[in-house]
Amino acid sequence: MNEAAPPFALRQLDHIVLRVRDLDAALRFYTEVLGCTLEKTQESLGLYQLRAGASLIDLLPLDGKLGRMGGAGPGPEGRNLDHFCLRIDPYDEAALRAHLAAHGVAAGESGSRYGAEGEGPSLYLVDPDGNVIELKGPPHSRTA
């Protein structure tokens, strides 16, 4: 590839936007299960912005101004994305599974996977709209 480099540097994931069928269920999941905080609400647009560490997760109810613009909602045959990954610390799989179970959320497959910081443990789960989320722990220690 002989293309010129872009005139900017990528820093981190800024935000993702999820179209949701049930705003209340989504807000409960992202705040109570994952620990996000509601940072900004723009009701005229139907936009609810949640703080997730250094990034944002934006929720668009399907019946809101922006949500209606996206066509059919999420479901088994029409997902909005494959998955997104949230880096967490510490990573204690037993504690994670117990926390999820206490909230009625099924923990999915776990294993060691490669991410932005290297190879490390992760666990999958699904939000109320079927969006797959990967919770990723710190990278495994590197030997010199």
N, C-alpha and C. Protein backbone atom coordinates (compact mmCIF):
# COMPACT_ATOMS: atom_id res chain seq x y z
N MET A 1 0.83 -1.18 0.00
CA MET A 1 0.00 0.00 0.00
C MET A 1 0.88 1.24 0.00
N ASN A 2 0.68 2.09 -0.98
CA ASN A 2 1.48 3.31 -1.12
C ASN A 2 0.67 4.55 -0.79
N GLU A 3 -0.32 4.40 0.05
CA GLU A 3 -1.15 5.54 0.40
C GLU A 3 -0.46 6.40 1.45
N ALA A 4 -0.70 7.70 1.40
CA ALA A 4 -0.14 8.60 2.39
C ALA A 4 -0.83 8.38 3.74
N ALA A 5 -0.08 8.56 4.79
CA ALA A 5 -0.65 8.43 6.13
C ALA A 5 -1.64 9.55 6.38
N PRO A 6 -2.68 9.29 7.17
CA PRO A 6 -3.65 10.35 7.45
C PRO A 6 -3.01 11.47 8.28
N PRO A 7 -3.57 12.66 8.22
CA PRO A 7 -3.01 13.79 8.96
C PRO A 7 -3.49 13.84 10.42
N PHE A 8 -3.63 12.69 11.03
CA PHE A 8 -4.07 12.60 12.42
C PHE A 8 -3.61 11.27 12.98
N ALA A 9 -3.67 11.14 14.31
CA ALA A 9 -3.34 9.89 14.99
C ALA A 9 -4.57 9.41 15.74
N LEU A 10 -4.85 8.13 15.64
CA LEU A 10 -5.97 7.56 16.40
C LEU A 10 -5.54 7.36 17.84
N ARG A 11 -6.41 7.69 18.79
CA ARG A 11 -6.07 7.63 20.21
C ARG A 11 -6.79 6.51 20.96
N GLN A 12 -8.11 6.41 20.82
CA GLN A 12 -8.89 5.41 21.56
C GLN A 12 -10.29 5.35 20.98
N LEU A 13 -11.08 4.41 21.41
CA LEU A 13 -12.48 4.36 21.04
C LEU A 13 -13.18 5.51 21.77
N ASP A 14 -13.82 6.42 21.05
CA ASP A 14 -14.51 7.55 21.65
C ASP A 14 -15.89 7.15 22.14
N HIS A 15 -16.70 6.59 21.26
CA HIS A 15 -18.04 6.16 21.65
C HIS A 15 -18.59 5.16 20.64
N ILE A 16 -19.60 4.44 21.08
CA ILE A 16 -20.39 3.62 20.17
C ILE A 16 -21.84 4.04 20.36
N VAL A 17 -22.66 3.80 19.36
CA VAL A 17 -24.07 4.16 19.42
C VAL A 17 -24.88 2.90 19.20
N LEU A 18 -25.76 2.59 20.15
CA LEU A 18 -26.60 1.40 20.07
C LEU A 18 -28.05 1.81 19.98
N ARG A 19 -28.77 1.25 19.03
CA ARG A 19 -30.22 1.45 18.92
C ARG A 19 -30.86 0.40 19.80
N VAL A 20 -31.77 0.82 20.70
CA VAL A 20 -32.33 -0.10 21.70
C VAL A 20 -33.85 -0.13 21.63
N ARG A 21 -34.42 -1.32 21.87
CA ARG A 21 -35.87 -1.50 21.86
C ARG A 21 -36.50 -0.97 23.14
N ASP A 22 -35.85 -1.18 24.29
CA ASP A 22 -36.41 -0.83 25.60
C ASP A 22 -35.38 0.01 26.34
N LEU A 23 -35.56 1.33 26.33
CA LEU A 23 -34.59 2.24 26.94
C LEU A 23 -34.39 1.94 28.42
N ASP A 24 -35.47 1.72 29.17
CA ASP A 24 -35.33 1.47 30.60
C ASP A 24 -34.50 0.22 30.88
N ALA A 25 -34.75 -0.85 30.14
CA ALA A 25 -33.98 -2.09 30.32
C ALA A 25 -32.51 -1.85 29.97
N ALA A 26 -32.25 -1.11 28.89
CA ALA A 26 -30.88 -0.83 28.49
C ALA A 26 -30.17 0.03 29.53
N LEU A 27 -30.84 1.06 30.03
CA LEU A 27 -30.23 1.91 31.06
C LEU A 27 -29.92 1.11 32.31
N ARG A 28 -30.85 0.25 32.75
CA ARG A 28 -30.59 -0.59 33.93
C ARG A 28 -29.38 -1.49 33.70
N PHE A 29 -29.32 -2.13 32.53
CA PHE A 29 -28.22 -3.03 32.23
C PHE A 29 -26.88 -2.30 32.26
N TYR A 30 -26.78 -1.20 31.53
CA TYR A 30 -25.49 -0.52 31.42
C TYR A 30 -25.08 0.18 32.71
N THR A 31 -26.04 0.64 33.52
CA THR A 31 -25.66 1.28 34.79
C THR A 31 -25.48 0.27 35.91
N GLU A 32 -26.44 -0.63 36.09
CA GLU A 32 -26.39 -1.56 37.22
C GLU A 32 -25.45 -2.75 37.00
N VAL A 33 -25.43 -3.30 35.79
CA VAL A 33 -24.59 -4.47 35.52
C VAL A 33 -23.17 -4.06 35.17
N LEU A 34 -23.01 -3.05 34.30
CA LEU A 34 -21.67 -2.68 33.86
C LEU A 34 -21.09 -1.46 34.57
N GLY A 35 -21.89 -0.75 35.34
CA GLY A 35 -21.34 0.38 36.11
C GLY A 35 -21.17 1.67 35.36
N CYS A 36 -21.80 1.81 34.20
CA CYS A 36 -21.76 3.10 33.49
C CYS A 36 -22.58 4.13 34.26
N THR A 37 -22.35 5.39 33.97
CA THR A 37 -23.15 6.45 34.56
C THR A 37 -23.78 7.27 33.44
N LEU A 38 -25.03 7.70 33.67
CA LEU A 38 -25.71 8.54 32.68
C LEU A 38 -25.08 9.92 32.74
N GLU A 39 -24.44 10.32 31.65
CA GLU A 39 -23.71 11.59 31.62
C GLU A 39 -24.52 12.72 31.00
N LYS A 40 -25.25 12.42 29.94
CA LYS A 40 -25.97 13.48 29.24
C LYS A 40 -27.20 12.89 28.57
N THR A 41 -28.31 13.63 28.66
CA THR A 41 -29.55 13.23 28.01
C THR A 41 -29.97 14.33 27.06
N GLN A 42 -30.25 13.94 25.82
CA GLN A 42 -30.77 14.88 24.83
C GLN A 42 -32.11 14.32 24.35
N GLU A 43 -33.14 14.53 25.17
CA GLU A 43 -34.44 13.92 24.91
C GLU A 43 -35.04 14.33 23.57
N SER A 44 -34.79 15.57 23.12
CA SER A 44 -35.36 16.01 21.84
C SER A 44 -34.83 15.17 20.68
N LEU A 45 -33.62 14.62 20.83
CA LEU A 45 -33.04 13.75 19.81
C LEU A 45 -33.29 12.28 20.10
N GLY A 46 -33.66 11.97 21.35
CA GLY A 46 -33.74 10.57 21.75
C GLY A 46 -32.35 9.99 21.91
N LEU A 47 -31.47 10.70 22.62
CA LEU A 47 -30.07 10.31 22.78
C LEU A 47 -29.72 10.32 24.26
N TYR A 48 -29.21 9.18 24.73
CA TYR A 48 -28.84 9.01 26.14
C TYR A 48 -27.38 8.56 26.16
N GLN A 49 -26.51 9.38 26.74
CA GLN A 49 -25.07 9.13 26.68
C GLN A 49 -24.55 8.66 28.04
N LEU A 50 -23.95 7.48 28.04
CA LEU A 50 -23.44 6.85 29.26
C LEU A 50 -21.92 6.88 29.26
N ARG A 51 -21.35 7.23 30.39
CA ARG A 51 -19.90 7.22 30.56
C ARG A 51 -19.45 5.79 30.84
N ALA A 52 -18.48 5.33 30.06
CA ALA A 52 -17.87 4.00 30.23
C ALA A 52 -16.37 4.19 30.28
N GLY A 53 -15.83 4.54 31.44
CA GLY A 53 -14.41 4.85 31.54
C GLY A 53 -14.09 6.10 30.75
N ALA A 54 -13.14 6.01 29.83
CA ALA A 54 -12.76 7.15 29.01
C ALA A 54 -13.64 7.29 27.77
N SER A 55 -14.57 6.37 27.57
CA SER A 55 -15.41 6.35 26.39
C SER A 55 -16.87 6.54 26.74
N LEU A 56 -17.71 6.66 25.71
CA LEU A 56 -19.15 6.78 25.90
C LEU A 56 -19.87 5.65 25.16
N ILE A 57 -21.00 5.23 25.73
CA ILE A 57 -21.93 4.34 25.05
C ILE A 57 -23.22 5.14 24.91
N ASP A 58 -23.60 5.43 23.68
CA ASP A 58 -24.82 6.20 23.42
C ASP A 58 -25.96 5.24 23.11
N LEU A 59 -27.12 5.51 23.71
CA LEU A 59 -28.31 4.70 23.48
C LEU A 59 -29.34 5.51 22.73
N LEU A 60 -29.88 4.92 21.66
CA LEU A 60 -30.94 5.55 20.87
C LEU A 60 -32.18 4.67 20.92
N PRO A 61 -33.22 5.07 21.66
CA PRO A 61 -34.47 4.30 21.61
C PRO A 61 -35.04 4.31 20.19
N LEU A 62 -35.58 3.18 19.76
CA LEU A 62 -36.10 3.07 18.39
C LEU A 62 -37.21 4.07 18.09
N ASP A 63 -37.93 4.51 19.12
CA ASP A 63 -39.03 5.45 18.89
C ASP A 63 -38.61 6.91 19.02
N GLY A 64 -37.33 7.18 19.22
CA GLY A 64 -36.83 8.55 19.31
C GLY A 64 -36.51 9.12 17.94
N LYS A 65 -36.25 10.40 17.87
CA LYS A 65 -35.97 11.07 16.59
C LYS A 65 -34.83 10.39 15.82
N LEU A 66 -33.69 10.18 16.48
CA LEU A 66 -32.56 9.54 15.80
C LEU A 66 -32.79 8.04 15.61
N GLY A 67 -33.41 7.40 16.58
CA GLY A 67 -33.66 5.95 16.49
C GLY A 67 -34.55 5.57 15.34
N ARG A 68 -35.55 6.41 15.04
CA ARG A 68 -36.46 6.12 13.92
C ARG A 68 -35.75 6.19 12.58
N MET A 69 -34.62 6.88 12.51
CA MET A 69 -33.91 7.07 11.24
C MET A 69 -33.12 5.83 10.81
N GLY A 70 -32.97 4.84 11.70
CA GLY A 70 -32.09 3.72 11.41
C GLY A 70 -32.75 2.47 10.87
N GLY A 71 -34.02 2.51 10.55
CA GLY A 71 -34.67 1.32 10.01
C GLY A 71 -35.05 0.34 11.10
N ALA A 72 -35.11 -0.93 10.75
CA ALA A 72 -35.51 -1.98 11.69
C ALA A 72 -34.59 -2.01 12.89
N GLY A 73 -35.15 -2.39 14.03
CA GLY A 73 -34.38 -2.44 15.26
C GLY A 73 -33.55 -3.69 15.40
N PRO A 74 -32.74 -3.75 16.46
CA PRO A 74 -31.89 -4.91 16.69
C PRO A 74 -32.73 -6.15 16.99
N GLY A 75 -32.22 -7.29 16.59
CA GLY A 75 -32.88 -8.57 16.83
C GLY A 75 -32.03 -9.69 16.28
N PRO A 76 -32.49 -10.92 16.39
CA PRO A 76 -31.69 -12.06 15.94
C PRO A 76 -31.26 -11.97 14.47
N GLU A 77 -32.09 -11.35 13.62
CA GLU A 77 -31.76 -11.25 12.20
C GLU A 77 -31.28 -9.87 11.79
N GLY A 78 -31.13 -8.95 12.72
CA GLY A 78 -30.72 -7.60 12.37
C GLY A 78 -29.89 -6.93 13.44
N ARG A 79 -28.73 -7.49 13.74
CA ARG A 79 -27.89 -6.90 14.77
C ARG A 79 -27.19 -5.65 14.25
N ASN A 80 -26.90 -4.72 15.16
CA ASN A 80 -26.25 -3.47 14.79
C ASN A 80 -24.73 -3.60 14.71
N LEU A 81 -24.14 -4.57 15.39
CA LEU A 81 -22.70 -4.78 15.37
C LEU A 81 -22.40 -6.19 15.84
N ASP A 82 -21.18 -6.67 15.64
CA ASP A 82 -20.81 -8.01 16.11
C ASP A 82 -20.64 -7.99 17.62
N HIS A 83 -19.73 -7.16 18.13
CA HIS A 83 -19.56 -6.99 19.57
C HIS A 83 -18.70 -5.76 19.81
N PHE A 84 -18.70 -5.31 21.05
CA PHE A 84 -17.73 -4.30 21.45
C PHE A 84 -17.08 -4.76 22.74
N CYS A 85 -15.90 -4.25 22.99
CA CYS A 85 -15.09 -4.72 24.11
C CYS A 85 -14.85 -3.58 25.09
N LEU A 86 -15.08 -3.87 26.37
CA LEU A 86 -14.79 -2.93 27.45
C LEU A 86 -13.64 -3.48 28.28
N ARG A 87 -12.59 -2.71 28.42
CA ARG A 87 -11.42 -3.12 29.22
C ARG A 87 -11.77 -2.92 30.69
N ILE A 88 -11.61 -3.95 31.50
CA ILE A 88 -11.92 -3.86 32.93
C ILE A 88 -10.68 -4.20 33.76
N ASP A 89 -10.69 -3.78 35.00
CA ASP A 89 -9.61 -4.07 35.92
C ASP A 89 -10.15 -3.97 37.33
N PRO A 90 -10.02 -4.95 38.17
CA PRO A 90 -9.35 -6.22 37.93
C PRO A 90 -10.25 -7.19 37.16
N TYR A 91 -9.66 -8.27 36.72
CA TYR A 91 -10.42 -9.33 36.06
C TYR A 91 -10.43 -10.52 37.00
N ASP A 92 -11.55 -10.77 37.63
CA ASP A 92 -11.74 -11.91 38.52
C ASP A 92 -12.96 -12.64 37.97
N GLU A 93 -12.72 -13.71 37.22
CA GLU A 93 -13.80 -14.37 36.50
C GLU A 93 -14.90 -14.87 37.42
N ALA A 94 -14.56 -15.44 38.56
CA ALA A 94 -15.57 -15.94 39.48
C ALA A 94 -16.44 -14.78 39.98
N ALA A 95 -15.82 -13.68 40.33
CA ALA A 95 -16.57 -12.51 40.81
C ALA A 95 -17.44 -11.93 39.69
N LEU A 96 -16.92 -11.91 38.46
CA LEU A 96 -17.70 -11.43 37.32
C LEU A 96 -18.93 -12.29 37.10
N ARG A 97 -18.74 -13.60 37.09
CA ARG A 97 -19.86 -14.51 36.87
C ARG A 97 -20.91 -14.37 37.98
N ALA A 98 -20.46 -14.24 39.22
CA ALA A 98 -21.40 -14.07 40.34
C ALA A 98 -22.17 -12.76 40.21
N HIS A 99 -21.49 -11.68 39.84
CA HIS A 99 -22.14 -10.38 39.66
C HIS A 99 -23.18 -10.45 38.54
N LEU A 100 -22.82 -11.03 37.43
CA LEU A 100 -23.76 -11.15 36.31
C LEU A 100 -24.97 -12.00 36.71
N ALA A 101 -24.72 -13.13 37.37
CA ALA A 101 -25.81 -14.00 37.79
C ALA A 101 -26.75 -13.28 38.75
N ALA A 102 -26.20 -12.44 39.63
CA ALA A 102 -27.03 -11.69 40.58
C ALA A 102 -27.96 -10.72 39.87
N HIS A 103 -27.59 -10.32 38.64
CA HIS A 103 -28.41 -9.42 37.84
C HIS A 103 -29.21 -10.16 36.77
N GLY A 104 -29.19 -11.49 36.82
CA GLY A 104 -29.94 -12.28 35.85
C GLY A 104 -29.35 -12.27 34.46
N VAL A 105 -28.04 -11.99 34.36
CA VAL A 105 -27.36 -11.94 33.07
C VAL A 105 -26.49 -13.19 32.93
N ALA A 106 -26.68 -13.93 31.86
CA ALA A 106 -25.90 -15.14 31.62
C ALA A 106 -24.50 -14.77 31.14
N ALA A 107 -23.50 -15.32 31.79
CA ALA A 107 -22.12 -15.14 31.35
C ALA A 107 -21.85 -16.14 30.23
N GLY A 108 -21.19 -15.68 29.20
CA GLY A 108 -20.89 -16.54 28.06
C GLY A 108 -19.49 -17.11 28.13
N GLU A 109 -18.96 -17.38 26.97
CA GLU A 109 -17.65 -17.98 26.81
C GLU A 109 -16.55 -17.08 27.38
N SER A 110 -15.59 -17.69 28.04
CA SER A 110 -14.43 -16.95 28.52
C SER A 110 -13.18 -17.59 27.92
N GLY A 111 -12.09 -16.86 27.95
CA GLY A 111 -10.83 -17.38 27.42
C GLY A 111 -9.80 -16.28 27.34
N SER A 112 -8.67 -16.62 26.78
CA SER A 112 -7.60 -15.66 26.58
C SER A 112 -7.67 -15.17 25.14
N ARG A 113 -7.73 -13.85 24.98
CA ARG A 113 -7.89 -13.26 23.64
C ARG A 113 -6.96 -12.06 23.48
N TYR A 114 -6.67 -11.76 22.25
CA TYR A 114 -5.81 -10.62 21.95
C TYR A 114 -6.65 -9.36 21.86
N GLY A 115 -6.17 -8.28 22.48
CA GLY A 115 -6.84 -6.99 22.43
C GLY A 115 -5.83 -5.88 22.27
N ALA A 116 -6.26 -4.65 22.48
CA ALA A 116 -5.42 -3.47 22.25
C ALA A 116 -4.15 -3.48 23.09
N GLU A 117 -4.19 -4.10 24.27
CA GLU A 117 -3.01 -4.12 25.14
C GLU A 117 -2.26 -5.45 25.10
N GLY A 118 -2.71 -6.39 24.28
CA GLY A 118 -2.07 -7.69 24.19
C GLY A 118 -3.00 -8.81 24.60
N GLU A 119 -2.45 -9.99 24.77
CA GLU A 119 -3.21 -11.19 25.11
C GLU A 119 -3.62 -11.15 26.58
N GLY A 120 -4.90 -11.45 26.84
CA GLY A 120 -5.37 -11.45 28.22
C GLY A 120 -6.74 -12.09 28.33
N PRO A 121 -7.23 -12.23 29.55
CA PRO A 121 -8.50 -12.91 29.78
C PRO A 121 -9.69 -12.06 29.37
N SER A 122 -10.76 -12.72 28.94
CA SER A 122 -11.99 -12.00 28.62
C SER A 122 -13.18 -12.91 28.77
N LEU A 123 -14.35 -12.27 28.85
CA LEU A 123 -15.61 -12.97 29.05
C LEU A 123 -16.67 -12.26 28.22
N TYR A 124 -17.54 -13.04 27.59
CA TYR A 124 -18.61 -12.46 26.78
C TYR A 124 -19.93 -12.48 27.53
N LEU A 125 -20.79 -11.50 27.24
CA LEU A 125 -22.15 -11.44 27.74
C LEU A 125 -22.99 -10.71 26.71
N VAL A 126 -24.31 -10.69 26.92
CA VAL A 126 -25.23 -10.09 25.95
C VAL A 126 -26.13 -9.10 26.68
N ASP A 127 -26.34 -7.92 26.10
CA ASP A 127 -27.23 -6.92 26.71
C ASP A 127 -28.68 -7.22 26.34
N PRO A 128 -29.65 -6.44 26.87
CA PRO A 128 -31.06 -6.73 26.61
C PRO A 128 -31.47 -6.68 25.14
N ASP A 129 -30.68 -6.03 24.28
CA ASP A 129 -31.01 -5.96 22.86
C ASP A 129 -30.23 -6.95 22.02
N GLY A 130 -29.50 -7.86 22.66
CA GLY A 130 -28.75 -8.87 21.92
C GLY A 130 -27.37 -8.43 21.48
N ASN A 131 -26.92 -7.25 21.92
CA ASN A 131 -25.56 -6.80 21.59
C ASN A 131 -24.57 -7.59 22.43
N VAL A 132 -23.55 -8.13 21.77
CA VAL A 132 -22.54 -8.92 22.46
C VAL A 132 -21.46 -7.98 22.99
N ILE A 133 -21.11 -8.17 24.27
CA ILE A 133 -20.10 -7.35 24.93
C ILE A 133 -19.00 -8.26 25.42
N GLU A 134 -17.77 -7.86 25.19
CA GLU A 134 -16.61 -8.58 25.72
C GLU A 134 -16.03 -7.75 26.87
N LEU A 135 -15.89 -8.34 28.04
CA LEU A 135 -15.22 -7.69 29.16
C LEU A 135 -13.80 -8.23 29.18
N LYS A 136 -12.82 -7.35 28.99
CA LYS A 136 -11.42 -7.76 28.80
C LYS A 136 -10.57 -7.29 29.95
N GLY A 137 -9.83 -8.23 30.54
CA GLY A 137 -8.92 -7.92 31.63
C GLY A 137 -7.55 -7.46 31.13
N PRO A 138 -6.64 -7.20 32.06
CA PRO A 138 -5.31 -6.75 31.67
C PRO A 138 -4.54 -7.86 30.95
N PRO A 139 -3.54 -7.47 30.18
CA PRO A 139 -2.78 -8.49 29.46
C PRO A 139 -2.01 -9.39 30.43
N HIS A 140 -1.76 -10.62 29.97
CA HIS A 140 -0.96 -11.54 30.77
C HIS A 140 0.44 -10.94 30.94
N SER A 141 1.12 -11.28 32.02
CA SER A 141 2.48 -10.78 32.23
C SER A 141 3.38 -11.25 31.12
N ARG A 142 4.24 -10.37 30.71
CA ARG A 142 5.21 -10.71 29.65
C ARG A 142 6.53 -11.09 30.30
N THR A 143 7.12 -12.13 29.78
CA THR A 143 8.44 -12.54 30.30
C THR A 143 9.51 -11.92 29.45
N ALA A 144 10.59 -11.51 30.11
CA ALA A 144 11.68 -10.83 29.41
C ALA A 144 12.57 -11.79 28.68
